[in-house]
Structures are given as structure tokens and as C-alpha cells.
Amino acid sequence: MRSVKNLIAYPVAMFLFIASAAAADSNTIIIKKFMFNPMDVTVPAGANVTWKNDDGEPHTVVSLTGDFRSQALDEKDKFSHQFSAPGTYKYICSIHPKMVGTITVMAK
């Protein structure tokens, strides 16, 4: 027979696991169909943002102010950047400049 303690602990542990996975995914931007998805992301200062290329074409992630720049990302490649300072960071794909996005970093 299962104890009441185990019946409560398991769902709580699963919730915490799922919540942490969702939090990590919320800072991931998927590159697909020549778009950054989502195009606008808000994160707290100190957060990492990861871009993952799911397109069959190479793409880059380039800050308009020179704060970060990826190499050309082939399909399934990733690029991450940690955002330390609050502010608004606009970026493009330098290969396809119509691809744009914005990271808004909030103070902790």
C-alpha cells in the first residue's frame, strides 16, 4: 500500500520538473520558416536566451548594437547569450535581414 506522503510527493515532483522545463523552453527561440519564434521575448537580467535553427537554411543572430553575434547556424545548431544588463536588444539574421527579433531584459 502506498503512503499518503508518496501520493503527494510524486505529483509535486512532477509539477516542479515540468515547470522547470517550461521555464527553460520559454527562453528558447526557434528559427523556422525564415522567422524567429517568438519574435519578442522578455527575460530577467542574468537569463540565458538560446536560438535553435530548425530551418534547412543557415541563419545568424546579430545584435544591432554589437552586443552579441552568432556564427552561421546550420540546421539543428544552437546559439546562446546571457543578458546581464536590463534593456531592449534588437537583433536580425545578417543573411536574411528581414528576419528580426527583440529581447527585453528586465531588472531583477
C-alpha atoms as a PDB file:
ATOM      1  CA  MET A   1       0.000   0.000   0.000  1.00  0.00           C
ATOM      2  CA  ARG A   2       1.309   3.457  -0.862  1.00  0.00           C
ATOM      3  CA  SER A   3       1.603   6.009   1.867  1.00  0.00           C
ATOM      4  CA  VAL A   4      -0.194   9.318   1.653  1.00  0.00           C
ATOM      5  CA  LYS A   5       3.221  11.004   1.741  1.00  0.00           C
ATOM      6  CA  ASN A   6       4.271   9.248  -1.506  1.00  0.00           C
ATOM      7  CA  LEU A   7       0.947  10.039  -3.172  1.00  0.00           C
ATOM      8  CA  ILE A   8       1.551  13.740  -2.528  1.00  0.00           C
ATOM      9  CA  ALA A   9       5.316  13.829  -3.196  1.00  0.00           C
ATOM     10  CA  TYR A  10       5.158  12.296  -6.678  1.00  0.00           C
ATOM     11  CA  PRO A  11       2.727  14.844  -8.218  1.00  0.00           C
ATOM     12  CA  VAL A  12       4.651  17.723  -6.591  1.00  0.00           C
ATOM     13  CA  ALA A  13       7.951  16.428  -8.003  1.00  0.00           C
ATOM     14  CA  MET A  14       6.404  16.045 -11.472  1.00  0.00           C
ATOM     15  CA  PHE A  15       4.990  19.578 -11.313  1.00  0.00           C
ATOM     16  CA  LEU A  16       8.395  21.023 -10.371  1.00  0.00           C
ATOM     17  CA  PHE A  17      10.095  19.082 -13.193  1.00  0.00           C
ATOM     18  CA  ILE A  18       7.560  20.247 -15.780  1.00  0.00           C
ATOM     19  CA  ALA A  19       7.676  23.845 -14.511  1.00  0.00           C
ATOM     20  CA  SER A  20      11.467  23.982 -14.741  1.00  0.00           C
ATOM     21  CA  ALA A  21      11.396  22.513 -18.262  1.00  0.00           C
ATOM     22  CA  ALA A  22       8.786  25.075 -19.324  1.00  0.00           C
ATOM     23  CA  ALA A  23      10.865  27.906 -17.854  1.00  0.00           C
ATOM     24  CA  ALA A  24      13.913  26.752 -19.809  1.00  0.00           C
ATOM     25  CA  ASP A  25      11.864  26.482 -23.010  1.00  0.00           C
ATOM     26  CA  SER A  26      10.459  29.991 -22.567  1.00  0.00           C
ATOM     27  CA  ASN A  27      13.963  31.361 -23.196  1.00  0.00           C
ATOM     28  CA  THR A  28      14.389  29.362 -26.410  1.00  0.00           C
ATOM     29  CA  ILE A  29      13.739  30.992 -29.766  1.00  0.00           C
ATOM     30  CA  ILE A  30      13.137  28.648 -32.684  1.00  0.00           C
ATOM     31  CA  ILE A  31      14.285  29.724 -36.138  1.00  0.00           C
ATOM     32  CA  LYS A  32      11.843  28.261 -38.670  1.00  0.00           C
ATOM     33  CA  LYS A  33      10.345  29.359 -41.995  1.00  0.00           C
ATOM     34  CA  PHE A  34      12.670  32.391 -42.055  1.00  0.00           C
ATOM     35  CA  MET A  35      11.275  33.711 -38.759  1.00  0.00           C
ATOM     36  CA  PHE A  36      12.361  33.957 -35.122  1.00  0.00           C
ATOM     37  CA  ASN A  37       9.624  32.386 -32.993  1.00  0.00           C
ATOM     38  CA  PRO A  38       8.743  34.078 -30.754  1.00  0.00           C
ATOM     39  CA  MET A  39       9.922  37.383 -32.209  1.00  0.00           C
ATOM     40  CA  ASP A  40       9.747  39.201 -28.864  1.00  0.00           C
ATOM     41  CA  VAL A  41      10.972  37.683 -25.595  1.00  0.00           C
ATOM     42  CA  THR A  42      11.130  39.228 -22.113  1.00  0.00           C
ATOM     43  CA  VAL A  43      13.598  37.800 -19.580  1.00  0.00           C
ATOM     44  CA  PRO A  44      15.045  38.852 -16.219  1.00  0.00           C
ATOM     45  CA  ALA A  45      18.604  40.192 -16.067  1.00  0.00           C
ATOM     46  CA  GLY A  46      21.082  37.322 -15.920  1.00  0.00           C
ATOM     47  CA  ALA A  47      18.963  34.996 -18.069  1.00  0.00           C
ATOM     48  CA  ASN A  48      20.314  32.981 -20.972  1.00  0.00           C
ATOM     49  CA  VAL A  49      18.455  33.007 -24.274  1.00  0.00           C
ATOM     50  CA  THR A  50      19.035  30.223 -26.799  1.00  0.00           C
ATOM     51  CA  TRP A  51      18.282  30.322 -30.509  1.00  0.00           C
ATOM     52  CA  LYS A  52      17.846  26.983 -32.304  1.00  0.00           C
ATOM     53  CA  ASN A  53      17.811  26.756 -36.089  1.00  0.00           C
ATOM     54  CA  ASP A  54      15.100  24.349 -37.275  1.00  0.00           C
ATOM     55  CA  ASP A  55      15.295  25.654 -40.862  1.00  0.00           C
ATOM     56  CA  GLY A  56      17.087  23.911 -43.691  1.00  0.00           C
ATOM     57  CA  GLU A  57      18.922  27.188 -44.415  1.00  0.00           C
ATOM     58  CA  PRO A  58      21.728  28.787 -42.381  1.00  0.00           C
ATOM     59  CA  HIS A  59      20.847  31.812 -40.228  1.00  0.00           C
ATOM     60  CA  THR A  60      22.662  34.163 -37.848  1.00  0.00           C
ATOM     61  CA  VAL A  61      21.660  36.038 -34.710  1.00  0.00           C
ATOM     62  CA  VAL A  62      23.225  39.512 -34.735  1.00  0.00           C
ATOM     63  CA  SER A  63      22.579  42.348 -32.285  1.00  0.00           C
ATOM     64  CA  LEU A  64      22.019  45.702 -33.974  1.00  0.00           C
ATOM     65  CA  THR A  65      24.250  47.330 -31.321  1.00  0.00           C
ATOM     66  CA  GLY A  66      27.046  44.758 -31.460  1.00  0.00           C
ATOM     67  CA  ASP A  67      26.259  43.151 -28.079  1.00  0.00           C
ATOM     68  CA  PHE A  68      26.204  39.595 -29.471  1.00  0.00           C
ATOM     69  CA  ARG A  69      26.761  37.787 -32.750  1.00  0.00           C
ATOM     70  CA  SER A  70      26.441  34.126 -33.687  1.00  0.00           C
ATOM     71  CA  GLN A  71      28.290  32.335 -36.394  1.00  0.00           C
ATOM     72  CA  ALA A  72      26.161  30.951 -39.235  1.00  0.00           C
ATOM     73  CA  LEU A  73      23.853  28.375 -37.666  1.00  0.00           C
ATOM     74  CA  ASP A  74      23.128  25.337 -39.787  1.00  0.00           C
ATOM     75  CA  GLU A  75      20.019  23.218 -39.193  1.00  0.00           C
ATOM     76  CA  LYS A  76      19.870  21.977 -35.556  1.00  0.00           C
ATOM     77  CA  ASP A  77      22.692  24.349 -34.458  1.00  0.00           C
ATOM     78  CA  LYS A  78      22.175  26.497 -31.359  1.00  0.00           C
ATOM     79  CA  PHE A  79      23.499  29.810 -30.100  1.00  0.00           C
ATOM     80  CA  SER A  80      23.098  31.148 -26.549  1.00  0.00           C
ATOM     81  CA  HIS A  81      23.732  34.520 -24.970  1.00  0.00           C
ATOM     82  CA  GLN A  82      23.449  35.665 -21.354  1.00  0.00           C
ATOM     83  CA  PHE A  83      21.750  39.034 -20.884  1.00  0.00           C
ATOM     84  CA  SER A  84      23.261  40.736 -17.838  1.00  0.00           C
ATOM     85  CA  ALA A  85      22.008  44.309 -18.161  1.00  0.00           C
ATOM     86  CA  PRO A  86      18.399  45.479 -18.391  1.00  0.00           C
ATOM     87  CA  GLY A  87      17.423  46.994 -21.725  1.00  0.00           C
ATOM     88  CA  THR A  88      15.994  46.289 -25.147  1.00  0.00           C
ATOM     89  CA  TYR A  89      18.133  44.284 -27.568  1.00  0.00           C
ATOM     90  CA  LYS A  90      17.067  44.209 -31.211  1.00  0.00           C
ATOM     91  CA  TYR A  91      18.617  41.610 -33.488  1.00  0.00           C
ATOM     92  CA  ILE A  92      18.460  40.319 -37.061  1.00  0.00           C
ATOM     93  CA  CYS A  93      19.657  37.463 -39.218  1.00  0.00           C
ATOM     94  CA  SER A  94      22.519  39.073 -41.157  1.00  0.00           C
ATOM     95  CA  ILE A  95      21.953  36.617 -44.027  1.00  0.00           C
ATOM     96  CA  HIS A  96      18.221  37.417 -44.206  1.00  0.00           C
ATOM     97  CA  PRO A  97      17.831  40.954 -42.734  1.00  0.00           C
ATOM     98  CA  LYS A  98      14.021  40.834 -42.881  1.00  0.00           C
ATOM     99  CA  MET A  99      14.223  38.338 -40.002  1.00  0.00           C
ATOM    100  CA  VAL A 100      14.050  40.474 -36.844  1.00  0.00           C
ATOM    101  CA  GLY A 101      13.513  39.992 -33.129  1.00  0.00           C
ATOM    102  CA  THR A 102      13.703  41.766 -29.776  1.00  0.00           C
ATOM    103  CA  ILE A 103      14.875  40.674 -26.343  1.00  0.00           C
ATOM    104  CA  THR A 104      13.635  42.826 -23.465  1.00  0.00           C
ATOM    105  CA  VAL A 105      15.662  42.358 -20.288  1.00  0.00           C
ATOM    106  CA  MET A 106      14.002  43.422 -17.025  1.00  0.00           C
ATOM    107  CA  ALA A 107      15.840  44.324 -13.826  1.00  0.00           C
ATOM    108  CA  LYS A 108      15.662  41.631 -11.156  1.00  0.00           C
END
